[in-house]
C-alpha atoms as a PDB file:
ATOM      1  CA  MET A   1     -13.809   8.266   0.448  1.00  0.00           C
ATOM      2  CA  LYS A   2     -12.140   5.265  -1.164  1.00  0.00           C
ATOM      3  CA  GLN A   3     -13.545   1.859  -0.278  1.00  0.00           C
ATOM      4  CA  LEU A   4     -11.922  -1.556  -0.141  1.00  0.00           C
ATOM      5  CA  SER A   5     -12.566  -3.419  -3.385  1.00  0.00           C
ATOM      6  CA  SER A   6     -14.328  -6.760  -3.627  1.00  0.00           C
ATOM      7  CA  HIS A   7     -11.113  -8.120  -5.160  1.00  0.00           C
ATOM      8  CA  HIS A   8      -9.165  -7.366  -1.976  1.00  0.00           C
ATOM      9  CA  ARG A   9     -11.853  -8.899   0.214  1.00  0.00           C
ATOM     10  CA  GLU A  10     -11.924 -12.051  -1.889  1.00  0.00           C
ATOM     11  CA  ARG A  11      -8.159 -12.445  -1.504  1.00  0.00           C
ATOM     12  CA  VAL A  12      -8.324 -12.040   2.275  1.00  0.00           C
ATOM     13  CA  ARG A  13     -11.194 -14.521   2.460  1.00  0.00           C
ATOM     14  CA  ALA A  14      -9.170 -16.957   0.343  1.00  0.00           C
ATOM     15  CA  VAL A  15      -6.372 -16.833   2.940  1.00  0.00           C
ATOM     16  CA  LEU A  16      -8.720 -17.344   5.883  1.00  0.00           C
ATOM     17  CA  ASN A  17     -10.550 -20.154   4.098  1.00  0.00           C
ATOM     18  CA  SER A  18      -7.305 -21.986   3.343  1.00  0.00           C
ATOM     19  CA  SER A  19      -6.479 -22.976   6.913  1.00  0.00           C
ATOM     20  CA  PRO A  20      -8.397 -22.849  10.208  1.00  0.00           C
ATOM     21  CA  LEU A  21      -5.077 -22.448  12.025  1.00  0.00           C
ATOM     22  CA  ILE A  22      -2.534 -19.749  11.213  1.00  0.00           C
ATOM     23  CA  PRO A  23       0.845 -20.049  12.940  1.00  0.00           C
ATOM     24  CA  VAL A  24       2.346 -16.824  14.248  1.00  0.00           C
ATOM     25  CA  ILE A  25       5.993 -17.348  13.286  1.00  0.00           C
ATOM     26  CA  THR A  26       8.928 -15.458  14.778  1.00  0.00           C
ATOM     27  CA  VAL A  27      12.261 -16.112  13.047  1.00  0.00           C
ATOM     28  CA  ASN A  28      15.274 -15.752  15.337  1.00  0.00           C
ATOM     29  CA  ASP A  29      17.682 -17.701  13.121  1.00  0.00           C
ATOM     30  CA  PRO A  30      17.356 -17.012   9.389  1.00  0.00           C
ATOM     31  CA  ASP A  31      18.421 -20.574   8.610  1.00  0.00           C
ATOM     32  CA  ASP A  32      15.310 -21.849  10.429  1.00  0.00           C
ATOM     33  CA  ALA A  33      12.743 -20.082   8.269  1.00  0.00           C
ATOM     34  CA  VAL A  34      12.404 -22.578   5.423  1.00  0.00           C
ATOM     35  CA  PRO A  35      12.674 -25.856   7.397  1.00  0.00           C
ATOM     36  CA  LEU A  36      10.265 -24.536  10.049  1.00  0.00           C
ATOM     37  CA  CYS A  37       7.693 -23.561   7.452  1.00  0.00           C
ATOM     38  CA  LEU A  38       8.170 -26.829   5.560  1.00  0.00           C
ATOM     39  CA  ALA A  39       7.477 -28.705   8.804  1.00  0.00           C
ATOM     40  CA  LEU A  40       4.216 -26.778   9.264  1.00  0.00           C
ATOM     41  CA  VAL A  41       3.132 -27.428   5.685  1.00  0.00           C
ATOM     42  CA  GLU A  42       3.922 -31.124   6.095  1.00  0.00           C
ATOM     43  CA  GLY A  43       1.618 -31.086   9.113  1.00  0.00           C
ATOM     44  CA  GLY A  44      -1.237 -29.694   7.023  1.00  0.00           C
ATOM     45  CA  ILE A  45      -0.860 -25.936   7.631  1.00  0.00           C
ATOM     46  CA  ASN A  46      -0.715 -23.968   4.385  1.00  0.00           C
ATOM     47  CA  VAL A  47      -1.077 -20.378   5.638  1.00  0.00           C
ATOM     48  CA  LEU A  48       2.101 -18.970   7.196  1.00  0.00           C
ATOM     49  CA  GLU A  49       2.230 -15.641   9.035  1.00  0.00           C
ATOM     50  CA  ILE A  50       5.878 -14.622   9.380  1.00  0.00           C
ATOM     51  CA  THR A  51       6.105 -11.733  11.802  1.00  0.00           C
ATOM     52  CA  LEU A  52       8.379  -8.712  11.753  1.00  0.00           C
ATOM     53  CA  ARG A  53       9.169  -9.162  15.447  1.00  0.00           C
ATOM     54  CA  THR A  54      12.816  -9.731  14.546  1.00  0.00           C
ATOM     55  CA  GLU A  55      15.132  -8.283  11.912  1.00  0.00           C
ATOM     56  CA  HIS A  56      14.926 -11.527   9.925  1.00  0.00           C
ATOM     57  CA  GLY A  57      11.217 -11.334   9.114  1.00  0.00           C
ATOM     58  CA  VAL A  58      11.323  -9.640   5.721  1.00  0.00           C
ATOM     59  CA  LYS A  59      14.106 -11.853   4.369  1.00  0.00           C
ATOM     60  CA  ALA A  60      12.361 -14.938   5.718  1.00  0.00           C
ATOM     61  CA  ILE A  61       9.204 -14.043   3.793  1.00  0.00           C
ATOM     62  CA  GLU A  62      11.208 -13.763   0.602  1.00  0.00           C
ATOM     63  CA  LYS A  63      12.966 -17.110   1.156  1.00  0.00           C
ATOM     64  CA  VAL A  64       9.829 -19.024   2.142  1.00  0.00           C
ATOM     65  CA  ARG A  65       7.837 -17.646  -0.782  1.00  0.00           C
ATOM     66  CA  LYS A  66      10.453 -19.047  -3.166  1.00  0.00           C
ATOM     67  CA  ALA A  67      10.899 -22.346  -1.331  1.00  0.00           C
ATOM     68  CA  ILE A  68       7.203 -23.148  -0.703  1.00  0.00           C
ATOM     69  CA  PRO A  69       5.185 -21.628  -3.566  1.00  0.00           C
ATOM     70  CA  GLU A  70       2.155 -23.780  -2.766  1.00  0.00           C
ATOM     71  CA  ALA A  71       1.627 -22.098   0.628  1.00  0.00           C
ATOM     72  CA  TRP A  72       0.134 -18.725   1.477  1.00  0.00           C
ATOM     73  CA  VAL A  73       3.002 -16.688   2.941  1.00  0.00           C
ATOM     74  CA  GLY A  74       2.249 -13.377   4.596  1.00  0.00           C
ATOM     75  CA  ALA A  75       3.639 -10.801   6.982  1.00  0.00           C
ATOM     76  CA  GLY A  76       2.527 -10.228  10.547  1.00  0.00           C
ATOM     77  CA  THR A  77       3.252  -7.498  13.090  1.00  0.00           C
ATOM     78  CA  VAL A  78       3.319  -4.856  10.371  1.00  0.00           C
ATOM     79  CA  THR A  79       3.032  -1.512  12.141  1.00  0.00           C
ATOM     80  CA  SER A  80       3.877   1.114   9.520  1.00  0.00           C
ATOM     81  CA  ILE A  81       3.466   1.880   5.846  1.00  0.00           C
ATOM     82  CA  ALA A  82       7.240   1.598   5.444  1.00  0.00           C
ATOM     83  CA  GLN A  83       7.081  -2.004   6.684  1.00  0.00           C
ATOM     84  CA  TYR A  84       4.044  -2.651   4.500  1.00  0.00           C
ATOM     85  CA  ARG A  85       6.074  -1.580   1.460  1.00  0.00           C
ATOM     86  CA  GLN A  86       8.994  -3.786   2.544  1.00  0.00           C
ATOM     87  CA  VAL A  87       6.911  -6.937   2.785  1.00  0.00           C
ATOM     88  CA  GLU A  88       5.168  -6.142  -0.506  1.00  0.00           C
ATOM     89  CA  ALA A  89       8.576  -6.062  -2.172  1.00  0.00           C
ATOM     90  CA  ALA A  90       9.516  -9.340  -0.440  1.00  0.00           C
ATOM     91  CA  GLY A  91       6.521 -11.075  -2.012  1.00  0.00           C
ATOM     92  CA  ALA A  92       4.137 -11.292   0.954  1.00  0.00           C
ATOM     93  CA  GLN A  93       0.698 -12.496  -0.136  1.00  0.00           C
ATOM     94  CA  PHE A  94      -1.107 -10.859   2.761  1.00  0.00           C
ATOM     95  CA  VAL A  95      -0.392  -8.392   5.562  1.00  0.00           C
ATOM     96  CA  ILE A  96      -1.594  -8.591   9.170  1.00  0.00           C
ATOM     97  CA  THR A  97      -1.306  -5.713  11.627  1.00  0.00           C
ATOM     98  CA  PRO A  98      -1.620  -5.876  15.432  1.00  0.00           C
ATOM     99  CA  GLY A  99      -3.717  -2.706  15.415  1.00  0.00           C
ATOM    100  CA  VAL A 100      -5.020  -0.077  13.039  1.00  0.00           C
ATOM    101  CA  THR A 101      -4.270   3.445  11.940  1.00  0.00           C
ATOM    102  CA  GLU A 102      -6.268   5.268   9.303  1.00  0.00           C
ATOM    103  CA  ALA A 103      -3.091   5.617   7.241  1.00  0.00           C
ATOM    104  CA  ILE A 104      -2.491   1.855   7.134  1.00  0.00           C
ATOM    105  CA  LEU A 105      -6.141   1.119   6.408  1.00  0.00           C
ATOM    106  CA  GLU A 106      -6.131   3.589   3.522  1.00  0.00           C
ATOM    107  CA  PHE A 107      -2.851   2.183   2.199  1.00  0.00           C
ATOM    108  CA  GLY A 108      -4.328  -1.312   2.308  1.00  0.00           C
ATOM    109  CA  ILE A 109      -7.136  -0.197   0.010  1.00  0.00           C
ATOM    110  CA  THR A 110      -4.679   0.624  -2.782  1.00  0.00           C
ATOM    111  CA  SER A 111      -2.064  -2.064  -2.131  1.00  0.00           C
ATOM    112  CA  GLU A 112      -1.799  -5.198  -4.241  1.00  0.00           C
ATOM    113  CA  THR A 113      -1.114  -7.103  -1.007  1.00  0.00           C
ATOM    114  CA  PRO A 114      -4.397  -7.512   0.909  1.00  0.00           C
ATOM    115  CA  LEU A 115      -4.659  -6.401   4.526  1.00  0.00           C
ATOM    116  CA  LEU A 116      -6.143  -8.166   7.549  1.00  0.00           C
ATOM    117  CA  PRO A 117      -6.198  -5.306  10.074  1.00  0.00           C
ATOM    118  CA  GLY A 118      -5.955  -5.964  13.787  1.00  0.00           C
ATOM    119  CA  ILE A 119      -8.582  -4.563  16.150  1.00  0.00           C
ATOM    120  CA  ALA A 120      -9.302  -4.911  19.856  1.00  0.00           C
ATOM    121  CA  THR A 121     -12.400  -2.725  20.227  1.00  0.00           C
ATOM    122  CA  ILE A 122     -15.681  -2.067  18.479  1.00  0.00           C
ATOM    123  CA  SER A 123     -14.569   1.511  17.768  1.00  0.00           C
ATOM    124  CA  GLU A 124     -11.499   0.305  15.870  1.00  0.00           C
ATOM    125  CA  LEU A 125     -13.692  -2.148  13.975  1.00  0.00           C
ATOM    126  CA  MET A 126     -15.996   0.720  12.956  1.00  0.00           C
ATOM    127  CA  ILE A 127     -13.107   2.708  11.486  1.00  0.00           C
ATOM    128  CA  GLY A 128     -12.173  -0.205   9.245  1.00  0.00           C
ATOM    129  CA  TYR A 129     -15.787  -1.079   8.520  1.00  0.00           C
ATOM    130  CA  ASN A 130     -16.467   2.405   7.184  1.00  0.00           C
ATOM    131  CA  LEU A 131     -13.636   1.882   4.673  1.00  0.00           C
ATOM    132  CA  GLY A 132     -15.108  -1.409   3.471  1.00  0.00           C
ATOM    133  CA  TYR A 133     -13.178  -3.910   5.598  1.00  0.00           C
ATOM    134  CA  ARG A 134     -15.197  -6.903   6.773  1.00  0.00           C
ATOM    135  CA  GLU A 135     -12.414  -9.279   7.843  1.00  0.00           C
ATOM    136  CA  PHE A 136     -10.330  -8.446  10.909  1.00  0.00           C
ATOM    137  CA  LYS A 137      -7.734  -9.908  13.214  1.00  0.00           C
ATOM    138  CA  PHE A 138      -8.964  -9.739  16.828  1.00  0.00           C
ATOM    139  CA  PHE A 139      -5.905  -9.101  18.988  1.00  0.00           C
ATOM    140  CA  PRO A 140      -4.965  -9.700  21.739  1.00  0.00           C
ATOM    141  CA  ALA A 141      -7.959 -12.025  21.810  1.00  0.00           C
ATOM    142  CA  GLU A 142      -7.889 -13.353  25.360  1.00  0.00           C
ATOM    143  CA  VAL A 143      -6.955 -10.006  26.908  1.00  0.00           C
ATOM    144  CA  ALA A 144      -9.525  -8.120  24.817  1.00  0.00           C
ATOM    145  CA  GLY A 145     -12.472 -10.248  25.905  1.00  0.00           C
ATOM    146  CA  GLY A 146     -12.098 -13.533  24.081  1.00  0.00           C
ATOM    147  CA  ILE A 147     -15.150 -15.499  23.019  1.00  0.00           C
ATOM    148  CA  PRO A 148     -17.698 -13.290  24.870  1.00  0.00           C
ATOM    149  CA  ALA A 149     -16.361 -10.203  23.064  1.00  0.00           C
ATOM    150  CA  LEU A 150     -16.604 -11.878  19.654  1.00  0.00           C
ATOM    151  CA  LYS A 151     -20.176 -12.942  20.395  1.00  0.00           C
ATOM    152  CA  ALA A 152     -20.994  -9.352  21.349  1.00  0.00           C
ATOM    153  CA  PHE A 153     -19.365  -7.967  18.180  1.00  0.00           C
ATOM    154  CA  GLY A 154     -21.584 -10.256  16.116  1.00  0.00           C
ATOM    155  CA  GLY A 155     -24.725  -8.406  17.219  1.00  0.00           C
ATOM    156  CA  PRO A 156     -24.161  -5.023  15.535  1.00  0.00           C
ATOM    157  CA  PHE A 157     -21.818  -6.449  12.874  1.00  0.00           C
ATOM    158  CA  PRO A 158     -23.191  -9.805  11.688  1.00  0.00           C
ATOM    159  CA  ASP A 159     -21.330  -9.510   8.365  1.00  0.00           C
ATOM    160  CA  VAL A 160     -17.848  -9.254   9.934  1.00  0.00           C
ATOM    161  CA  THR A 161     -15.475 -12.227  10.126  1.00  0.00           C
ATOM    162  CA  PHE A 162     -12.575 -12.540  12.562  1.00  0.00           C
ATOM    163  CA  CYS A 163      -9.245 -14.283  12.963  1.00  0.00           C
ATOM    164  CA  PRO A 164      -8.603 -14.063  16.726  1.00  0.00           C
ATOM    165  CA  THR A 165      -4.984 -14.250  17.863  1.00  0.00           C
ATOM    166  CA  GLY A 166      -3.278 -13.723  21.203  1.00  0.00           C
ATOM    167  CA  GLY A 167      -3.461 -16.125  24.132  1.00  0.00           C
ATOM    168  CA  ILE A 168      -5.251 -18.851  22.170  1.00  0.00           C
ATOM    169  CA  ARG A 169      -3.973 -22.349  22.799  1.00  0.00           C
ATOM    170  CA  ARG A 170      -4.362 -25.731  21.215  1.00  0.00           C
ATOM    171  CA  ASN A 171      -7.091 -26.711  23.687  1.00  0.00           C
ATOM    172  CA  THR A 172      -9.122 -23.514  23.135  1.00  0.00           C
ATOM    173  CA  ALA A 173      -8.814 -23.094  19.360  1.00  0.00           C
ATOM    174  CA  ALA A 174     -11.873 -25.242  18.635  1.00  0.00           C
ATOM    175  CA  ASP A 175     -14.028 -23.148  20.977  1.00  0.00           C
ATOM    176  CA  TYR A 176     -13.176 -20.016  19.000  1.00  0.00           C
ATOM    177  CA  LEU A 177     -13.711 -21.732  15.664  1.00  0.00           C
ATOM    178  CA  ALA A 178     -17.171 -22.834  16.806  1.00  0.00           C
ATOM    179  CA  LEU A 179     -18.284 -19.194  16.659  1.00  0.00           C
ATOM    180  CA  GLY A 180     -20.140 -18.229  13.508  1.00  0.00           C
ATOM    181  CA  ASN A 181     -18.041 -15.100  12.970  1.00  0.00           C
ATOM    182  CA  VAL A 182     -14.634 -16.806  13.328  1.00  0.00           C
ATOM    183  CA  GLN A 183     -13.042 -18.268  10.204  1.00  0.00           C
ATOM    184  CA  ALA A 184      -9.526 -19.006  11.485  1.00  0.00           C
ATOM    185  CA  VAL A 185      -7.420 -18.580  14.608  1.00  0.00           C
ATOM    186  CA  GLY A 186      -3.775 -17.652  14.983  1.00  0.00           C
ATOM    187  CA  GLY A 187      -1.347 -18.831  17.593  1.00  0.00           C
ATOM    188  CA  THR A 188       2.235 -19.322  18.673  1.00  0.00           C
ATOM    189  CA  TRP A 189       1.606 -22.764  20.176  1.00  0.00           C
ATOM    190  CA  LEU A 190       2.182 -24.238  16.698  1.00  0.00           C
ATOM    191  CA  THR A 191       5.835 -23.156  16.838  1.00  0.00           C
ATOM    192  CA  PRO A 192       7.019 -23.589  20.446  1.00  0.00           C
ATOM    193  CA  ALA A 193      10.311 -21.820  21.090  1.00  0.00           C
ATOM    194  CA  ASP A 194      12.036 -24.873  22.569  1.00  0.00           C
ATOM    195  CA  ALA A 195      11.243 -27.061  19.555  1.00  0.00           C
ATOM    196  CA  VAL A 196      12.388 -24.361  17.144  1.00  0.00           C
ATOM    197  CA  ALA A 197      15.617 -23.774  19.102  1.00  0.00           C
ATOM    198  CA  ALA A 198      16.308 -27.531  19.014  1.00  0.00           C
ATOM    199  CA  LYS A 199      15.452 -27.588  15.283  1.00  0.00           C
ATOM    200  CA  ASP A 200      13.036 -30.405  16.044  1.00  0.00           C
ATOM    201  CA  TRP A 201      11.057 -30.072  12.845  1.00  0.00           C
ATOM    202  CA  SER A 202       9.313 -33.418  13.268  1.00  0.00           C
ATOM    203  CA  GLN A 203       7.831 -32.155  16.538  1.00  0.00           C
ATOM    204  CA  ILE A 204       6.539 -29.052  14.765  1.00  0.00           C
ATOM    205  CA  THR A 205       4.911 -31.270  12.136  1.00  0.00           C
ATOM    206  CA  GLU A 206       3.266 -33.412  14.804  1.00  0.00           C
ATOM    207  CA  ILE A 207       1.970 -30.350  16.671  1.00  0.00           C
ATOM    208  CA  ALA A 208       0.459 -28.984  13.451  1.00  0.00           C
ATOM    209  CA  ARG A 209      -1.091 -32.320  12.500  1.00  0.00           C
ATOM    210  CA  GLY A 210      -2.417 -32.931  16.008  1.00  0.00           C
ATOM    211  CA  SER A 211      -3.827 -29.427  16.349  1.00  0.00           C
ATOM    212  CA  LEU A 212      -5.778 -29.803  13.110  1.00  0.00           C
ATOM    213  CA  ALA A 213      -7.055 -33.187  14.242  1.00  0.00           C
ATOM    214  CA  ASP A 214      -8.342 -31.623  17.474  1.00  0.00           C
ATOM    215  CA  LEU A 215     -10.708 -29.298  15.611  1.00  0.00           C
END
């Protein structure tokens, strides 16, 4: 059985160590991708998860990678190997999935683009763990048990690190980050839909800056 290499793990850890907050970005207007991400970077966020929740996701990754080379730009909501290949070609520096399949986990072992697989249960964690994964997205965090669940996971798996996402808000992010097995948290509060629709990039910058200051 192939195992995840130390090189892949180091790259995933580098992403998680680069920012305690990871915005979950949905691009509805392709013209918003670069200014939105620039606003986040100006606010101190340098890890950008651009999701494939809309048809503009892959192109947005490509554009943002070229426009903001100093940031980590990755793909979220990747649910198939076909999508994984698409975001690889677009230049994504990391891939995040909402859940796991053995096929995606095995593909992540051989891909040049490192994978942060999403899990909601201890059984899913064990599947990834057996392949060498030690860093996971915990999703949907609040629905799947939140902080108590992460504390419980730490008992049998003290060497696993999480990036919880799903239902986390600005006023709860610090509580998650206080856990010893949480390195970063993801959230949509950093890019509120009304501010994005209004193209109020200064508000996005202030939210990012304020959220970091709250930690």
